[in-house]
Amino acid sequence: MISITEKAKNKITELRRQEGKSDNYHLRVAVKGGGCSGLMYHLDFDDTVKPNDHVFEDKGIKITVDKRSLLYLAGTTLDFSDGLNGKGFQFINPNASRTCGCGESFAV
């Protein structure tokens, strides 16, 4: 399961509205190869659920994760920070053994 904080929920709702996406679009969270630590997080809006997808809902936001990415993301919390030390989504991932300084890539 992946959970989101209230700040992340508010930002996801705002971005979905800015992009003109309806509430039928869910947040797709994925892991892809790359970045300075080997794996990178990827967020996007999607209106399709594929056969190997897992769908979760937290705070009214539907979250879709493919089967492979779920191995890396199980138990992760998605947060959003707009403070002086950085702005953007942050992944609190208990499976990550290390993360890069920017927080966009990780290793297990």
PDB file of N, CA and C in Angstrom:
ATOM      1  N   MET A   1       0.827  -1.185   0.000  1.00  0.00           N
ATOM      2  CA  MET A   1       0.000   0.000   0.000  1.00  0.00           C
ATOM      3  C   MET A   1       0.870   1.247   0.000  1.00  0.00           C
ATOM      4  N   ILE A   2       0.383   2.257  -0.645  1.00  0.00           N
ATOM      5  CA  ILE A   2       1.028   3.569  -0.659  1.00  0.00           C
ATOM      6  C   ILE A   2       0.049   4.551  -0.047  1.00  0.00           C
ATOM      7  N   SER A   3       0.544   5.395   0.843  1.00  0.00           N
ATOM      8  CA  SER A   3      -0.323   6.400   1.464  1.00  0.00           C
ATOM      9  C   SER A   3       0.182   7.791   1.104  1.00  0.00           C
ATOM     10  N   ILE A   4      -0.677   8.774   1.306  1.00  0.00           N
ATOM     11  CA  ILE A   4      -0.309  10.151   1.012  1.00  0.00           C
ATOM     12  C   ILE A   4      -0.652  11.032   2.201  1.00  0.00           C
ATOM     13  N   THR A   5       0.108  12.094   2.360  1.00  0.00           N
ATOM     14  CA  THR A   5      -0.182  13.054   3.422  1.00  0.00           C
ATOM     15  C   THR A   5      -1.245  14.029   2.922  1.00  0.00           C
ATOM     16  N   GLU A   6      -1.773  14.807   3.824  1.00  0.00           N
ATOM     17  CA  GLU A   6      -2.780  15.807   3.471  1.00  0.00           C
ATOM     18  C   GLU A   6      -2.206  16.844   2.506  1.00  0.00           C
ATOM     19  N   LYS A   7      -0.952  17.244   2.716  1.00  0.00           N
ATOM     20  CA  LYS A   7      -0.300  18.210   1.806  1.00  0.00           C
ATOM     21  C   LYS A   7      -0.166  17.632   0.400  1.00  0.00           C
ATOM     22  N   ALA A   8       0.208  16.362   0.308  1.00  0.00           N
ATOM     23  CA  ALA A   8       0.327  15.717  -1.000  1.00  0.00           C
ATOM     24  C   ALA A   8      -1.037  15.620  -1.665  1.00  0.00           C
ATOM     25  N   LYS A   9      -2.048  15.279  -0.908  1.00  0.00           N
ATOM     26  CA  LYS A   9      -3.410  15.195  -1.450  1.00  0.00           C
ATOM     27  C   LYS A   9      -3.830  16.529  -2.048  1.00  0.00           C
ATOM     28  N   ASN A  10      -3.602  17.606  -1.308  1.00  0.00           N
ATOM     29  CA  ASN A  10      -3.993  18.930  -1.787  1.00  0.00           C
ATOM     30  C   ASN A  10      -3.250  19.308  -3.061  1.00  0.00           C
ATOM     31  N   LYS A  11      -1.954  18.986  -3.143  1.00  0.00           N
ATOM     32  CA  LYS A  11      -1.168  19.322  -4.335  1.00  0.00           C
ATOM     33  C   LYS A  11      -1.585  18.469  -5.526  1.00  0.00           C
ATOM     34  N   ILE A  12      -1.855  17.202  -5.303  1.00  0.00           N
ATOM     35  CA  ILE A  12      -2.308  16.317  -6.384  1.00  0.00           C
ATOM     36  C   ILE A  12      -3.630  16.829  -6.951  1.00  0.00           C
ATOM     37  N   THR A  13      -4.552  17.199  -6.072  1.00  0.00           N
ATOM     38  CA  THR A  13      -5.846  17.732  -6.501  1.00  0.00           C
ATOM     39  C   THR A  13      -5.661  19.018  -7.301  1.00  0.00           C
ATOM     40  N   GLU A  14      -4.786  19.892  -6.823  1.00  0.00           N
ATOM     41  CA  GLU A  14      -4.519  21.154  -7.515  1.00  0.00           C
ATOM     42  C   GLU A  14      -3.905  20.912  -8.898  1.00  0.00           C
ATOM     43  N   LEU A  15      -2.907  20.025  -8.989  1.00  0.00           N
ATOM     44  CA  LEU A  15      -2.253  19.743 -10.262  1.00  0.00           C
ATOM     45  C   LEU A  15      -3.206  19.086 -11.258  1.00  0.00           C
ATOM     46  N   ARG A  16      -4.033  18.178 -10.767  1.00  0.00           N
ATOM     47  CA  ARG A  16      -4.993  17.513 -11.647  1.00  0.00           C
ATOM     48  C   ARG A  16      -5.955  18.538 -12.248  1.00  0.00           C
ATOM     49  N   ARG A  17      -6.395  19.474 -11.429  1.00  0.00           N
ATOM     50  CA  ARG A  17      -7.295  20.536 -11.895  1.00  0.00           C
ATOM     51  C   ARG A  17      -6.581  21.446 -12.896  1.00  0.00           C
ATOM     52  N   GLN A  18      -5.321  21.828 -12.594  1.00  0.00           N
ATOM     53  CA  GLN A  18      -4.546  22.690 -13.498  1.00  0.00           C
ATOM     54  C   GLN A  18      -4.329  22.042 -14.863  1.00  0.00           C
ATOM     55  N   GLU A  19      -4.165  20.726 -14.874  1.00  0.00           N
ATOM     56  CA  GLU A  19      -3.939  20.003 -16.123  1.00  0.00           C
ATOM     57  C   GLU A  19      -5.239  19.664 -16.845  1.00  0.00           C
ATOM     58  N   GLY A  20      -6.370  20.065 -16.262  1.00  0.00           N
ATOM     59  CA  GLY A  20      -7.662  19.820 -16.902  1.00  0.00           C
ATOM     60  C   GLY A  20      -8.097  18.367 -16.870  1.00  0.00           C
ATOM     61  N   LYS A  21      -7.593  17.611 -15.923  1.00  0.00           N
ATOM     62  CA  LYS A  21      -7.945  16.197 -15.800  1.00  0.00           C
ATOM     63  C   LYS A  21      -9.155  16.054 -14.877  1.00  0.00           C
ATOM     64  N   SER A  22     -10.046  15.154 -15.224  1.00  0.00           N
ATOM     65  CA  SER A  22     -11.228  14.911 -14.396  1.00  0.00           C
ATOM     66  C   SER A  22     -10.851  14.041 -13.202  1.00  0.00           C
ATOM     67  N   ASP A  23     -11.805  13.847 -12.305  1.00  0.00           N
ATOM     68  CA  ASP A  23     -11.570  12.987 -11.136  1.00  0.00           C
ATOM     69  C   ASP A  23     -11.407  11.524 -11.536  1.00  0.00           C
ATOM     70  N   ASN A  24     -11.693  11.179 -12.798  1.00  0.00           N
ATOM     71  CA  ASN A  24     -11.492   9.811 -13.276  1.00  0.00           C
ATOM     72  C   ASN A  24     -10.004   9.486 -13.433  1.00  0.00           C
ATOM     73  N   TYR A  25      -9.164  10.515 -13.458  1.00  0.00           N
ATOM     74  CA  TYR A  25      -7.723  10.299 -13.566  1.00  0.00           C
ATOM     75  C   TYR A  25      -7.158  10.006 -12.179  1.00  0.00           C
ATOM     76  N   HIS A  26      -6.382   8.953 -12.092  1.00  0.00           N
ATOM     77  CA  HIS A  26      -5.751   8.564 -10.831  1.00  0.00           C
ATOM     78  C   HIS A  26      -4.272   8.897 -10.915  1.00  0.00           C
ATOM     79  N   LEU A  27      -3.627   8.848  -9.785  1.00  0.00           N
ATOM     80  CA  LEU A  27      -2.193   9.104  -9.716  1.00  0.00           C
ATOM     81  C   LEU A  27      -1.461   7.793  -9.965  1.00  0.00           C
ATOM     82  N   ARG A  28      -0.654   7.758 -10.998  1.00  0.00           N
ATOM     83  CA  ARG A  28       0.167   6.576 -11.264  1.00  0.00           C
ATOM     84  C   ARG A  28       1.551   6.828 -10.679  1.00  0.00           C
ATOM     85  N   VAL A  29       1.980   5.928  -9.800  1.00  0.00           N
ATOM     86  CA  VAL A  29       3.292   6.000  -9.165  1.00  0.00           C
ATOM     87  C   VAL A  29       4.094   4.814  -9.674  1.00  0.00           C
ATOM     88  N   ALA A  30       5.296   5.094 -10.170  1.00  0.00           N
ATOM     89  CA  ALA A  30       6.119   4.025 -10.730  1.00  0.00           C
ATOM     90  C   ALA A  30       7.579   4.216 -10.346  1.00  0.00           C
ATOM     91  N   VAL A  31       8.331   3.155 -10.518  1.00  0.00           N
ATOM     92  CA  VAL A  31       9.782   3.173 -10.315  1.00  0.00           C
ATOM     93  C   VAL A  31      10.416   2.812 -11.644  1.00  0.00           C
ATOM     94  N   LYS A  32      11.390   3.607 -12.056  1.00  0.00           N
ATOM     95  CA  LYS A  32      12.111   3.370 -13.307  1.00  0.00           C
ATOM     96  C   LYS A  32      13.609   3.399 -13.027  1.00  0.00           C
ATOM     97  N   GLY A  33      14.362   2.739 -13.857  1.00  0.00           N
ATOM     98  CA  GLY A  33      15.810   2.752 -13.726  1.00  0.00           C
ATOM     99  C   GLY A  33      16.369   4.121 -14.073  1.00  0.00           C
ATOM    100  N   GLY A  34      17.409   4.544 -13.337  1.00  0.00           N
ATOM    101  CA  GLY A  34      18.056   5.818 -13.617  1.00  0.00           C
ATOM    102  C   GLY A  34      18.365   6.590 -12.360  1.00  0.00           C
ATOM    103  N   GLY A  35      18.820   7.811 -12.537  1.00  0.00           N
ATOM    104  CA  GLY A  35      19.165   8.647 -11.393  1.00  0.00           C
ATOM    105  C   GLY A  35      20.508   8.270 -10.813  1.00  0.00           C
ATOM    106  N   CYS A  36      20.974   9.074  -9.890  1.00  0.00           N
ATOM    107  CA  CYS A  36      22.302   8.843  -9.335  1.00  0.00           C
ATOM    108  C   CYS A  36      22.346   7.667  -8.354  1.00  0.00           C
ATOM    109  N   SER A  37      21.173   7.203  -7.892  1.00  0.00           N
ATOM    110  CA  SER A  37      21.166   6.064  -6.974  1.00  0.00           C
ATOM    111  C   SER A  37      20.688   4.774  -7.623  1.00  0.00           C
ATOM    112  N   GLY A  38      20.294   4.832  -8.892  1.00  0.00           N
ATOM    113  CA  GLY A  38      19.933   3.615  -9.610  1.00  0.00           C
ATOM    114  C   GLY A  38      18.464   3.483  -9.964  1.00  0.00           C
ATOM    115  N   LEU A  39      17.572   3.973  -9.116  1.00  0.00           N
ATOM    116  CA  LEU A  39      16.135   3.896  -9.366  1.00  0.00           C
ATOM    117  C   LEU A  39      15.527   5.274  -9.168  1.00  0.00           C
ATOM    118  N   MET A  40      14.529   5.588  -9.997  1.00  0.00           N
ATOM    119  CA  MET A  40      13.877   6.897  -9.901  1.00  0.00           C
ATOM    120  C   MET A  40      12.376   6.735  -9.733  1.00  0.00           C
ATOM    121  N   TYR A  41      11.785   7.649  -8.986  1.00  0.00           N
ATOM    122  CA  TYR A  41      10.335   7.706  -8.839  1.00  0.00           C
ATOM    123  C   TYR A  41       9.746   8.432 -10.044  1.00  0.00           C
ATOM    124  N   HIS A  42       8.554   8.016 -10.440  1.00  0.00           N
ATOM    125  CA  HIS A  42       7.860   8.669 -11.551  1.00  0.00           C
ATOM    126  C   HIS A  42       6.382   8.826 -11.181  1.00  0.00           C
ATOM    127  N   LEU A  43       5.870  10.045 -11.323  1.00  0.00           N
ATOM    128  CA  LEU A  43       4.460  10.350 -11.041  1.00  0.00           C
ATOM    129  C   LEU A  43       3.802  10.846 -12.318  1.00  0.00           C
ATOM    130  N   ASP A  44       2.550  10.444 -12.521  1.00  0.00           N
ATOM    131  CA  ASP A  44       1.800  10.906 -13.677  1.00  0.00           C
ATOM    132  C   ASP A  44       0.316  10.692 -13.398  1.00  0.00           C
ATOM    133  N   PHE A  45      -0.523  11.368 -14.165  1.00  0.00           N
ATOM    134  CA  PHE A  45      -1.956  11.118 -14.098  1.00  0.00           C
ATOM    135  C   PHE A  45      -2.308  10.152 -15.215  1.00  0.00           C
ATOM    136  N   ASP A  46      -3.216   9.231 -14.928  1.00  0.00           N
ATOM    137  CA  ASP A  46      -3.589   8.201 -15.890  1.00  0.00           C
ATOM    138  C   ASP A  46      -5.064   7.868 -15.695  1.00  0.00           C
ATOM    139  N   ASP A  47      -5.735   7.503 -16.764  1.00  0.00           N
ATOM    140  CA  ASP A  47      -7.134   7.094 -16.648  1.00  0.00           C
ATOM    141  C   ASP A  47      -7.336   5.639 -17.046  1.00  0.00           C
ATOM    142  N   THR A  48      -6.222   4.893 -17.153  1.00  0.00           N
ATOM    143  CA  THR A  48      -6.272   3.489 -17.533  1.00  0.00           C
ATOM    144  C   THR A  48      -5.675   2.624 -16.432  1.00  0.00           C
ATOM    145  N   VAL A  49      -6.352   1.537 -16.127  1.00  0.00           N
ATOM    146  CA  VAL A  49      -5.820   0.547 -15.188  1.00  0.00           C
ATOM    147  C   VAL A  49      -5.459  -0.686 -16.003  1.00  0.00           C
ATOM    148  N   LYS A  50      -4.208  -1.087 -15.922  1.00  0.00           N
ATOM    149  CA  LYS A  50      -3.712  -2.227 -16.690  1.00  0.00           C
ATOM    150  C   LYS A  50      -3.884  -3.516 -15.874  1.00  0.00           C
ATOM    151  N   PRO A  51      -3.850  -4.680 -16.539  1.00  0.00           N
ATOM    152  CA  PRO A  51      -4.100  -5.951 -15.832  1.00  0.00           C
ATOM    153  C   PRO A  51      -3.203  -6.211 -14.625  1.00  0.00           C
ATOM    154  N   ASN A  52      -1.938  -5.793 -14.655  1.00  0.00           N
ATOM    155  CA  ASN A  52      -1.032  -6.057 -13.533  1.00  0.00           C
ATOM    156  C   ASN A  52      -0.933  -4.904 -12.549  1.00  0.00           C
ATOM    157  N   ASP A  53      -1.828  -3.937 -12.628  1.00  0.00           N
ATOM    158  CA  ASP A  53      -1.819  -2.794 -11.720  1.00  0.00           C
ATOM    159  C   ASP A  53      -2.490  -3.127 -10.389  1.00  0.00           C
ATOM    160  N   HIS A  54      -2.009  -2.476  -9.366  1.00  0.00           N
ATOM    161  CA  HIS A  54      -2.650  -2.506  -8.045  1.00  0.00           C
ATOM    162  C   HIS A  54      -3.200  -1.108  -7.812  1.00  0.00           C
ATOM    163  N   VAL A  55      -4.435  -1.026  -7.337  1.00  0.00           N
ATOM    164  CA  VAL A  55      -5.080   0.265  -7.112  1.00  0.00           C
ATOM    165  C   VAL A  55      -5.355   0.420  -5.626  1.00  0.00           C
ATOM    166  N   PHE A  56      -4.942   1.559  -5.079  1.00  0.00           N
ATOM    167  CA  PHE A  56      -5.165   1.899  -3.682  1.00  0.00           C
ATOM    168  C   PHE A  56      -5.916   3.219  -3.639  1.00  0.00           C
ATOM    169  N   GLU A  57      -6.504   3.509  -2.517  1.00  0.00           N
ATOM    170  CA  GLU A  57      -7.109   4.825  -2.339  1.00  0.00           C
ATOM    171  C   GLU A  57      -6.773   5.321  -0.943  1.00  0.00           C
ATOM    172  N   ASP A  58      -6.327   6.565  -0.883  1.00  0.00           N
ATOM    173  CA  ASP A  58      -6.027   7.196   0.396  1.00  0.00           C
ATOM    174  C   ASP A  58      -6.458   8.655   0.319  1.00  0.00           C
ATOM    175  N   LYS A  59      -7.215   9.079   1.299  1.00  0.00           N
ATOM    176  CA  LYS A  59      -7.693  10.465   1.377  1.00  0.00           C
ATOM    177  C   LYS A  59      -8.440  10.889   0.120  1.00  0.00           C
ATOM    178  N   GLY A  60      -9.149   9.942  -0.501  1.00  0.00           N
ATOM    179  CA  GLY A  60      -9.936  10.241  -1.683  1.00  0.00           C
ATOM    180  C   GLY A  60      -9.162  10.265  -2.980  1.00  0.00           C
ATOM    181  N   ILE A  61      -7.873   9.969  -2.946  1.00  0.00           N
ATOM    182  CA  ILE A  61      -7.034   9.943  -4.146  1.00  0.00           C
ATOM    183  C   ILE A  61      -6.774   8.485  -4.521  1.00  0.00           C
ATOM    184  N   LYS A  62      -7.119   8.121  -5.755  1.00  0.00           N
ATOM    185  CA  LYS A  62      -6.804   6.774  -6.241  1.00  0.00           C
ATOM    186  C   LYS A  62      -5.369   6.759  -6.725  1.00  0.00           C
ATOM    187  N   ILE A  63      -4.641   5.731  -6.300  1.00  0.00           N
ATOM    188  CA  ILE A  63      -3.226   5.576  -6.616  1.00  0.00           C
ATOM    189  C   ILE A  63      -3.056   4.234  -7.313  1.00  0.00           C
ATOM    190  N   THR A  64      -2.418   4.249  -8.473  1.00  0.00           N
ATOM    191  CA  THR A  64      -2.204   3.030  -9.241  1.00  0.00           C
ATOM    192  C   THR A  64      -0.706   2.764  -9.344  1.00  0.00           C
ATOM    193  N   VAL A  65      -0.335   1.506  -9.103  1.00  0.00           N
ATOM    194  CA  VAL A  65       1.074   1.100  -9.144  1.00  0.00           C
ATOM    195  C   VAL A  65       1.169  -0.215  -9.904  1.00  0.00           C
ATOM    196  N   ASP A  66       2.113  -0.298 -10.832  1.00  0.00           N
ATOM    197  CA  ASP A  66       2.299  -1.566 -11.538  1.00  0.00           C
ATOM    198  C   ASP A  66       2.956  -2.576 -10.594  1.00  0.00           C
ATOM    199  N   LYS A  67       2.820  -3.840 -10.933  1.00  0.00           N
ATOM    200  CA  LYS A  67       3.274  -4.934 -10.062  1.00  0.00           C
ATOM    201  C   LYS A  67       4.761  -4.839  -9.718  1.00  0.00           C
ATOM    202  N   ARG A  68       5.605  -4.526 -10.715  1.00  0.00           N
ATOM    203  CA  ARG A  68       7.048  -4.455 -10.472  1.00  0.00           C
ATOM    204  C   ARG A  68       7.394  -3.297  -9.536  1.00  0.00           C
ATOM    205  N   SER A  69       6.787  -2.150  -9.767  1.00  0.00           N
ATOM    206  CA  SER A  69       7.077  -0.975  -8.937  1.00  0.00           C
ATOM    207  C   SER A  69       6.618  -1.177  -7.500  1.00  0.00           C
ATOM    208  N   LEU A  70       5.543  -1.932  -7.320  1.00  0.00           N
ATOM    209  CA  LEU A  70       5.025  -2.147  -5.974  1.00  0.00           C
ATOM    210  C   LEU A  70       6.046  -2.836  -5.076  1.00  0.00           C
ATOM    211  N   LEU A  71       6.896  -3.671  -5.655  1.00  0.00           N
ATOM    212  CA  LEU A  71       7.944  -4.336  -4.865  1.00  0.00           C
ATOM    213  C   LEU A  71       8.853  -3.315  -4.187  1.00  0.00           C
ATOM    214  N   TYR A  72       9.085  -2.192  -4.851  1.00  0.00           N
ATOM    215  CA  TYR A  72       9.960  -1.146  -4.327  1.00  0.00           C
ATOM    216  C   TYR A  72       9.210  -0.110  -3.486  1.00  0.00           C
ATOM    217  N   LEU A  73       7.896  -0.016  -3.676  1.00  0.00           N
ATOM    218  CA  LEU A  73       7.130   1.077  -3.077  1.00  0.00           C
ATOM    219  C   LEU A  73       6.229   0.670  -1.915  1.00  0.00           C
ATOM    220  N   ALA A  74       6.115  -0.603  -1.624  1.00  0.00           N
ATOM    221  CA  ALA A  74       5.222  -1.043  -0.553  1.00  0.00           C
ATOM    222  C   ALA A  74       5.555  -0.334   0.756  1.00  0.00           C
ATOM    223  N   GLY A  75       4.551   0.266   1.362  1.00  0.00           N
ATOM    224  CA  GLY A  75       4.737   0.960   2.633  1.00  0.00           C
ATOM    225  C   GLY A  75       5.192   2.401   2.505  1.00  0.00           C
ATOM    226  N   THR A  76       5.313   2.905   1.286  1.00  0.00           N
ATOM    227  CA  THR A  76       5.797   4.265   1.042  1.00  0.00           C
ATOM    228  C   THR A  76       4.708   5.295   1.332  1.00  0.00           C
ATOM    229  N   THR A  77       5.124   6.434   1.847  1.00  0.00           N
ATOM    230  CA  THR A  77       4.241   7.582   2.034  1.00  0.00           C
ATOM    231  C   THR A  77       4.706   8.691   1.107  1.00  0.00           C
ATOM    232  N   LEU A  78       3.760   9.271   0.383  1.00  0.00           N
ATOM    233  CA  LEU A  78       4.048  10.384  -0.509  1.00  0.00           C
ATOM    234  C   LEU A  78       3.677  11.671   0.203  1.00  0.00           C
ATOM    235  N   ASP A  79       4.640  12.590   0.296  1.00  0.00           N
ATOM    236  CA  ASP A  79       4.436  13.877   0.964  1.00  0.00           C
ATOM    237  C   ASP A  79       4.734  14.986  -0.034  1.00  0.00           C
ATOM    238  N   PHE A  80       4.375  16.211   0.325  1.00  0.00           N
ATOM    239  CA  PHE A  80       4.708  17.367  -0.499  1.00  0.00           C
ATOM    240  C   PHE A  80       5.264  18.449   0.400  1.00  0.00           C
ATOM    241  N   SER A  81       6.375  19.042  -0.040  1.00  0.00           N
ATOM    242  CA  SER A  81       6.998  20.111   0.714  1.00  0.00           C
ATOM    243  C   SER A  81       7.079  21.355  -0.163  1.00  0.00           C
ATOM    244  N   ASP A  82       6.746  22.489   0.419  1.00  0.00           N
ATOM    245  CA  ASP A  82       6.895  23.746  -0.313  1.00  0.00           C
ATOM    246  C   ASP A  82       7.730  24.722   0.507  1.00  0.00           C
ATOM    247  N   GLY A  83       8.613  24.173   1.324  1.00  0.00           N
ATOM    248  CA  GLY A  83       9.448  24.987   2.200  1.00  0.00           C
ATOM    249  C   GLY A  83      10.698  25.514   1.526  1.00  0.00           C
ATOM    250  N   LEU A  84      11.503  26.204   2.293  1.00  0.00           N
ATOM    251  CA  LEU A  84      12.732  26.809   1.789  1.00  0.00           C
ATOM    252  C   LEU A  84      13.771  25.788   1.341  1.00  0.00           C
ATOM    253  N   ASN A  85      13.749  24.614   1.940  1.00  0.00           N
ATOM    254  CA  ASN A  85      14.750  23.591   1.623  1.00  0.00           C
ATOM    255  C   ASN A  85      14.400  22.766   0.399  1.00  0.00           C
ATOM    256  N   GLY A  86      13.390  23.136  -0.288  1.00  0.00           N
ATOM    257  CA  GLY A  86      13.023  22.383  -1.484  1.00  0.00           C
ATOM    258  C   GLY A  86      11.530  22.352  -1.658  1.00  0.00           C
ATOM    259  N   LYS A  87      11.127  22.209  -2.892  1.00  0.00           N
ATOM    260  CA  LYS A  87       9.719  22.173  -3.203  1.00  0.00           C
ATOM    261  C   LYS A  87       9.457  20.958  -4.071  1.00  0.00           C
ATOM    262  N   GLY A  88       8.462  20.212  -3.719  1.00  0.00           N
ATOM    263  CA  GLY A  88       8.092  19.073  -4.544  1.00  0.00           C
ATOM    264  C   GLY A  88       7.640  17.891  -3.725  1.00  0.00           C
ATOM    265  N   PHE A  89       7.337  16.832  -4.441  1.00  0.00           N
ATOM    266  CA  PHE A  89       6.896  15.600  -3.797  1.00  0.00           C
ATOM    267  C   PHE A  89       8.096  14.885  -3.202  1.00  0.00           C
ATOM    268  N   GLN A  90       7.881  14.306  -2.042  1.00  0.00           N
ATOM    269  CA  GLN A  90       8.920  13.556  -1.349  1.00  0.00           C
ATOM    270  C   GLN A  90       8.384  12.172  -1.032  1.00  0.00           C
ATOM    271  N   PHE A  91       9.218  11.166  -1.246  1.00  0.00           N
ATOM    272  CA  PHE A  91       8.851   9.788  -0.985  1.00  0.00           C
ATOM    273  C   PHE A  91       9.512   9.332   0.310  1.00  0.00           C
ATOM    274  N   ILE A  92       8.705   8.905   1.251  1.00  0.00           N
ATOM    275  CA  ILE A  92       9.219   8.333   2.495  1.00  0.00           C
ATOM    276  C   ILE A  92       9.093   6.826   2.312  1.00  0.00           C
ATOM    277  N   ASN A  93      10.198   6.228   1.877  1.00  0.00           N
ATOM    278  CA  ASN A  93      10.193   4.841   1.435  1.00  0.00           C
ATOM    279  C   ASN A  93      11.006   3.979   2.389  1.00  0.00           C
ATOM    280  N   PRO A  94      10.331   3.096   3.148  1.00  0.00           N
ATOM    281  CA  PRO A  94      11.054   2.244   4.094  1.00  0.00           C
ATOM    282  C   PRO A  94      11.930   1.193   3.405  1.00  0.00           C
ATOM    283  N   ASN A  95      11.744   0.986   2.106  1.00  0.00           N
ATOM    284  CA  ASN A  95      12.514  -0.009   1.363  1.00  0.00           C
ATOM    285  C   ASN A  95      13.837   0.541   0.830  1.00  0.00           C
ATOM    286  N   ALA A  96      14.000   1.855   0.827  1.00  0.00           N
ATOM    287  CA  ALA A  96      15.203   2.480   0.273  1.00  0.00           C
ATOM    288  C   ALA A  96      16.361   2.370   1.254  1.00  0.00           C
ATOM    289  N   SER A  97      17.476   1.825   0.771  1.00  0.00           N
ATOM    290  CA  SER A  97      18.667   1.732   1.622  1.00  0.00           C
ATOM    291  C   SER A  97      19.464   3.030   1.573  1.00  0.00           C
ATOM    292  N   ARG A  98      19.327   3.783   0.470  1.00  0.00           N
ATOM    293  CA  ARG A  98      19.947   5.097   0.362  1.00  0.00           C
ATOM    294  C   ARG A  98      19.180   5.917  -0.668  1.00  0.00           C
ATOM    295  N   THR A  99      19.255   7.223  -0.527  1.00  0.00           N
ATOM    296  CA  THR A  99      18.625   8.137  -1.475  1.00  0.00           C
ATOM    297  C   THR A  99      19.639   9.185  -1.876  1.00  0.00           C
ATOM    298  N   CYS A 100      19.385   9.815  -3.013  1.00  0.00           N
ATOM    299  CA  CYS A 100      20.282  10.880  -3.439  1.00  0.00           C
ATOM    300  C   CYS A 100      19.885  12.182  -2.726  1.00  0.00           C
ATOM    301  N   GLY A 101      20.692  13.180  -2.850  1.00  0.00           N
ATOM    302  CA  GLY A 101      20.446  14.447  -2.183  1.00  0.00           C
ATOM    303  C   GLY A 101      19.154  15.132  -2.616  1.00  0.00           C
ATOM    304  N   CYS A 102      18.777  14.965  -3.875  1.00  0.00           N
ATOM    305  CA  CYS A 102      17.569  15.627  -4.357  1.00  0.00           C
ATOM    306  C   CYS A 102      16.305  14.849  -4.004  1.00  0.00           C
ATOM    307  N   GLY A 103      16.449  13.594  -3.567  1.00  0.00           N
ATOM    308  CA  GLY A 103      15.297  12.779  -3.177  1.00  0.00           C
ATOM    309  C   GLY A 103      14.535  12.172  -4.322  1.00  0.00           C
ATOM    310  N   GLU A 104      15.054  12.308  -5.550  1.00  0.00           N
ATOM    311  CA  GLU A 104      14.350  11.771  -6.708  1.00  0.00           C
ATOM    312  C   GLU A 104      14.795  10.368  -7.107  1.00  0.00           C
ATOM    313  N   SER A 105      15.888   9.909  -6.540  1.00  0.00           N
ATOM    314  CA  SER A 105      16.312   8.546  -6.857  1.00  0.00           C
ATOM    315  C   SER A 105      16.727   7.836  -5.568  1.00  0.00           C
ATOM    316  N   PHE A 106      16.755   6.506  -5.658  1.00  0.00           N
ATOM    317  CA  PHE A 106      17.034   5.709  -4.467  1.00  0.00           C
ATOM    318  C   PHE A 106      17.617   4.362  -4.873  1.00  0.00           C
ATOM    319  N   ALA A 107      18.092   3.625  -3.886  1.00  0.00           N
ATOM    320  CA  ALA A 107      18.591   2.270  -4.086  1.00  0.00           C
ATOM    321  C   ALA A 107      17.992   1.405  -3.000  1.00  0.00           C
ATOM    322  N   VAL A 108      17.879   0.103  -3.288  1.00  0.00           N
ATOM    323  CA  VAL A 108      17.370  -0.841  -2.287  1.00  0.00           C
ATOM    324  C   VAL A 108      18.436  -1.844  -1.928  1.00  0.00           C
TER     325      VAL A 108
END
